[in-house]
Amino acid sequence: MAQQVTHRDMVNFVAETTGAALIVKGRFVEPGKQPPPGERKIYMLIEGPTELSVKRAKQVSEGRVCHALTTPS
């Protein structure tokens, strides 16, 4: 699941269609565990030239996450 969302093609698609950038930050942590001191759990930062571009990038990326969760492997 996480691989599809952070995959370079997905990041490029969002950038090309919305004008915003997806930046994956943090460290993957197993469910139920805490990240090491000074680290954050993995998250996605969205930056764009306008509020609308950021909102659109969020919608597109959330749609991909929902699709990844509902599509059988």
N, C-alpha and C. Protein backbone atom coordinates (compact mmCIF):
# COMPACT_ATOMS: atom_id res chain seq x y z
N MET A 1 0.82 -1.19 0.00
CA MET A 1 0.00 0.00 0.00
C MET A 1 0.87 1.25 0.00
N ALA A 2 1.75 1.41 0.99
CA ALA A 2 2.58 2.61 1.08
C ALA A 2 3.45 2.76 -0.16
N GLN A 3 3.88 1.65 -0.72
CA GLN A 3 4.73 1.71 -1.90
C GLN A 3 4.02 2.39 -3.06
N GLN A 4 2.73 2.11 -3.27
CA GLN A 4 2.02 2.73 -4.38
C GLN A 4 1.88 4.23 -4.17
N VAL A 5 1.65 4.65 -2.96
CA VAL A 5 1.45 6.06 -2.68
C VAL A 5 2.76 6.83 -2.83
N THR A 6 3.88 6.28 -2.41
CA THR A 6 5.14 7.00 -2.45
C THR A 6 5.92 6.74 -3.73
N HIS A 7 5.43 5.89 -4.56
CA HIS A 7 6.12 5.57 -5.80
C HIS A 7 6.35 6.83 -6.62
N ARG A 8 7.50 6.92 -7.24
CA ARG A 8 7.88 8.11 -8.00
C ARG A 8 6.85 8.49 -9.07
N ASP A 9 6.25 7.51 -9.73
CA ASP A 9 5.24 7.82 -10.75
C ASP A 9 4.04 8.54 -10.14
N MET A 10 3.64 8.11 -8.96
CA MET A 10 2.51 8.76 -8.28
C MET A 10 2.87 10.20 -7.91
N VAL A 11 4.06 10.38 -7.36
CA VAL A 11 4.50 11.72 -6.98
C VAL A 11 4.55 12.62 -8.21
N ASN A 12 5.08 12.10 -9.31
CA ASN A 12 5.15 12.88 -10.54
C ASN A 12 3.75 13.19 -11.09
N PHE A 13 2.85 12.22 -11.01
CA PHE A 13 1.48 12.43 -11.48
C PHE A 13 0.82 13.57 -10.73
N VAL A 14 0.94 13.55 -9.41
CA VAL A 14 0.32 14.60 -8.59
C VAL A 14 0.94 15.95 -8.94
N ALA A 15 2.25 16.01 -9.08
CA ALA A 15 2.92 17.27 -9.40
C ALA A 15 2.46 17.81 -10.76
N GLU A 16 2.36 16.93 -11.75
CA GLU A 16 1.96 17.37 -13.09
C GLU A 16 0.51 17.80 -13.15
N THR A 17 -0.37 17.13 -12.41
CA THR A 17 -1.79 17.43 -12.51
C THR A 17 -2.26 18.54 -11.57
N THR A 18 -1.52 18.79 -10.49
CA THR A 18 -1.98 19.78 -9.52
C THR A 18 -1.03 20.96 -9.32
N GLY A 19 0.22 20.80 -9.71
CA GLY A 19 1.20 21.85 -9.47
C GLY A 19 1.78 21.82 -8.07
N ALA A 20 1.37 20.85 -7.26
CA ALA A 20 1.87 20.73 -5.89
C ALA A 20 2.85 19.56 -5.81
N ALA A 21 3.69 19.59 -4.80
CA ALA A 21 4.68 18.55 -4.61
C ALA A 21 4.34 17.70 -3.40
N LEU A 22 4.48 16.37 -3.54
CA LEU A 22 4.33 15.44 -2.42
C LEU A 22 5.72 15.09 -1.93
N ILE A 23 5.94 15.26 -0.64
CA ILE A 23 7.23 14.95 -0.06
C ILE A 23 6.99 13.97 1.08
N VAL A 24 7.58 12.79 0.97
CA VAL A 24 7.42 11.77 2.01
C VAL A 24 8.53 11.98 3.02
N LYS A 25 8.14 12.09 4.28
CA LYS A 25 9.10 12.34 5.35
C LYS A 25 8.87 11.35 6.48
N GLY A 26 9.80 11.31 7.39
CA GLY A 26 9.67 10.45 8.55
C GLY A 26 10.19 9.06 8.28
N ARG A 27 9.89 8.17 9.21
CA ARG A 27 10.38 6.80 9.15
C ARG A 27 9.21 5.85 9.32
N PHE A 28 9.21 4.77 8.51
CA PHE A 28 8.17 3.77 8.64
C PHE A 28 8.32 3.09 9.99
N VAL A 29 7.21 2.97 10.71
CA VAL A 29 7.20 2.33 12.02
C VAL A 29 6.08 1.28 12.01
N GLU A 30 6.39 0.09 12.46
CA GLU A 30 5.39 -0.98 12.52
C GLU A 30 4.18 -0.51 13.33
N PRO A 31 2.98 -0.94 12.93
CA PRO A 31 1.78 -0.56 13.70
C PRO A 31 1.92 -0.95 15.17
N GLY A 32 1.51 -0.04 16.04
CA GLY A 32 1.56 -0.29 17.47
C GLY A 32 2.90 0.03 18.12
N LYS A 33 3.90 0.39 17.31
CA LYS A 33 5.22 0.72 17.86
C LYS A 33 5.44 2.22 17.78
N GLN A 34 6.39 2.70 18.55
CA GLN A 34 6.74 4.12 18.56
C GLN A 34 8.02 4.34 17.74
N PRO A 35 8.15 5.49 17.09
CA PRO A 35 9.38 5.77 16.36
C PRO A 35 10.53 6.00 17.34
N PRO A 36 11.77 5.85 16.88
CA PRO A 36 12.91 6.12 17.74
C PRO A 36 12.90 7.58 18.21
N PRO A 37 13.56 7.87 19.31
CA PRO A 37 13.62 9.25 19.80
C PRO A 37 14.15 10.20 18.72
N GLY A 38 13.48 11.32 18.59
CA GLY A 38 13.89 12.31 17.60
C GLY A 38 13.36 12.06 16.20
N GLU A 39 12.67 10.97 15.98
CA GLU A 39 12.10 10.63 14.66
C GLU A 39 10.58 10.78 14.71
N ARG A 40 9.99 10.92 13.52
CA ARG A 40 8.53 10.94 13.40
C ARG A 40 8.09 9.76 12.56
N LYS A 41 6.84 9.32 12.77
CA LYS A 41 6.29 8.29 11.90
C LYS A 41 6.20 8.87 10.49
N ILE A 42 6.17 7.98 9.51
CA ILE A 42 6.13 8.42 8.12
C ILE A 42 4.87 9.27 7.87
N TYR A 43 5.04 10.32 7.11
CA TYR A 43 3.93 11.20 6.75
C TYR A 43 4.23 11.85 5.41
N MET A 44 3.21 12.46 4.84
CA MET A 44 3.35 13.09 3.54
C MET A 44 3.13 14.59 3.69
N LEU A 45 4.11 15.35 3.25
CA LEU A 45 4.02 16.81 3.25
C LEU A 45 3.61 17.24 1.84
N ILE A 46 2.63 18.11 1.75
CA ILE A 46 2.18 18.62 0.45
C ILE A 46 2.45 20.11 0.41
N GLU A 47 3.22 20.53 -0.59
CA GLU A 47 3.53 21.94 -0.79
C GLU A 47 3.11 22.35 -2.18
N GLY A 48 2.55 23.55 -2.31
CA GLY A 48 2.13 24.02 -3.62
C GLY A 48 2.05 25.53 -3.67
N PRO A 49 1.92 26.06 -4.88
CA PRO A 49 1.89 27.51 -5.06
C PRO A 49 0.61 28.17 -4.56
N THR A 50 -0.47 27.40 -4.48
CA THR A 50 -1.74 27.95 -4.01
C THR A 50 -2.41 26.95 -3.07
N GLU A 51 -3.34 27.45 -2.28
CA GLU A 51 -4.10 26.58 -1.39
C GLU A 51 -4.91 25.57 -2.20
N LEU A 52 -5.45 26.00 -3.33
CA LEU A 52 -6.24 25.12 -4.18
C LEU A 52 -5.39 23.96 -4.71
N SER A 53 -4.16 24.24 -5.12
CA SER A 53 -3.30 23.16 -5.64
C SER A 53 -2.98 22.15 -4.54
N VAL A 54 -2.80 22.61 -3.32
CA VAL A 54 -2.52 21.71 -2.20
C VAL A 54 -3.76 20.86 -1.90
N LYS A 55 -4.94 21.47 -1.88
CA LYS A 55 -6.17 20.72 -1.63
C LYS A 55 -6.39 19.66 -2.71
N ARG A 56 -6.14 20.03 -3.96
CA ARG A 56 -6.32 19.08 -5.07
C ARG A 56 -5.32 17.93 -4.95
N ALA A 57 -4.09 18.23 -4.60
CA ALA A 57 -3.08 17.18 -4.43
C ALA A 57 -3.48 16.23 -3.31
N LYS A 58 -4.05 16.77 -2.26
CA LYS A 58 -4.52 15.93 -1.14
C LYS A 58 -5.63 15.01 -1.62
N GLN A 59 -6.58 15.54 -2.39
CA GLN A 59 -7.67 14.72 -2.90
C GLN A 59 -7.16 13.60 -3.80
N VAL A 60 -6.24 13.93 -4.69
CA VAL A 60 -5.70 12.94 -5.61
C VAL A 60 -4.94 11.85 -4.85
N SER A 61 -4.10 12.25 -3.90
CA SER A 61 -3.33 11.26 -3.16
C SER A 61 -4.21 10.41 -2.26
N GLU A 62 -5.23 11.00 -1.63
CA GLU A 62 -6.15 10.21 -0.81
C GLU A 62 -6.93 9.22 -1.68
N GLY A 63 -7.29 9.65 -2.88
CA GLY A 63 -7.98 8.74 -3.80
C GLY A 63 -7.12 7.54 -4.14
N ARG A 64 -5.83 7.75 -4.32
CA ARG A 64 -4.91 6.66 -4.61
C ARG A 64 -4.76 5.73 -3.41
N VAL A 65 -4.74 6.29 -2.22
CA VAL A 65 -4.63 5.47 -1.02
C VAL A 65 -5.87 4.59 -0.89
N CYS A 66 -7.05 5.19 -1.05
CA CYS A 66 -8.30 4.42 -0.96
C CYS A 66 -8.33 3.33 -2.02
N HIS A 67 -7.88 3.63 -3.22
CA HIS A 67 -7.84 2.65 -4.30
C HIS A 67 -6.89 1.51 -3.93
N ALA A 68 -5.73 1.84 -3.37
CA ALA A 68 -4.75 0.81 -3.00
C ALA A 68 -5.31 -0.09 -1.90
N LEU A 69 -6.09 0.49 -0.99
CA LEU A 69 -6.65 -0.30 0.12
C LEU A 69 -7.77 -1.23 -0.34
N THR A 70 -8.49 -0.86 -1.38
CA THR A 70 -9.64 -1.66 -1.81
C THR A 70 -9.34 -2.57 -2.98
N THR A 71 -8.15 -2.46 -3.57
CA THR A 71 -7.79 -3.29 -4.71
C THR A 71 -7.03 -4.52 -4.20
N PRO A 72 -7.49 -5.72 -4.57
CA PRO A 72 -6.77 -6.92 -4.14
C PRO A 72 -5.35 -6.95 -4.70
N SER A 73 -4.41 -7.47 -3.94
CA SER A 73 -3.00 -7.54 -4.37
C SER A 73 -2.83 -8.57 -5.46
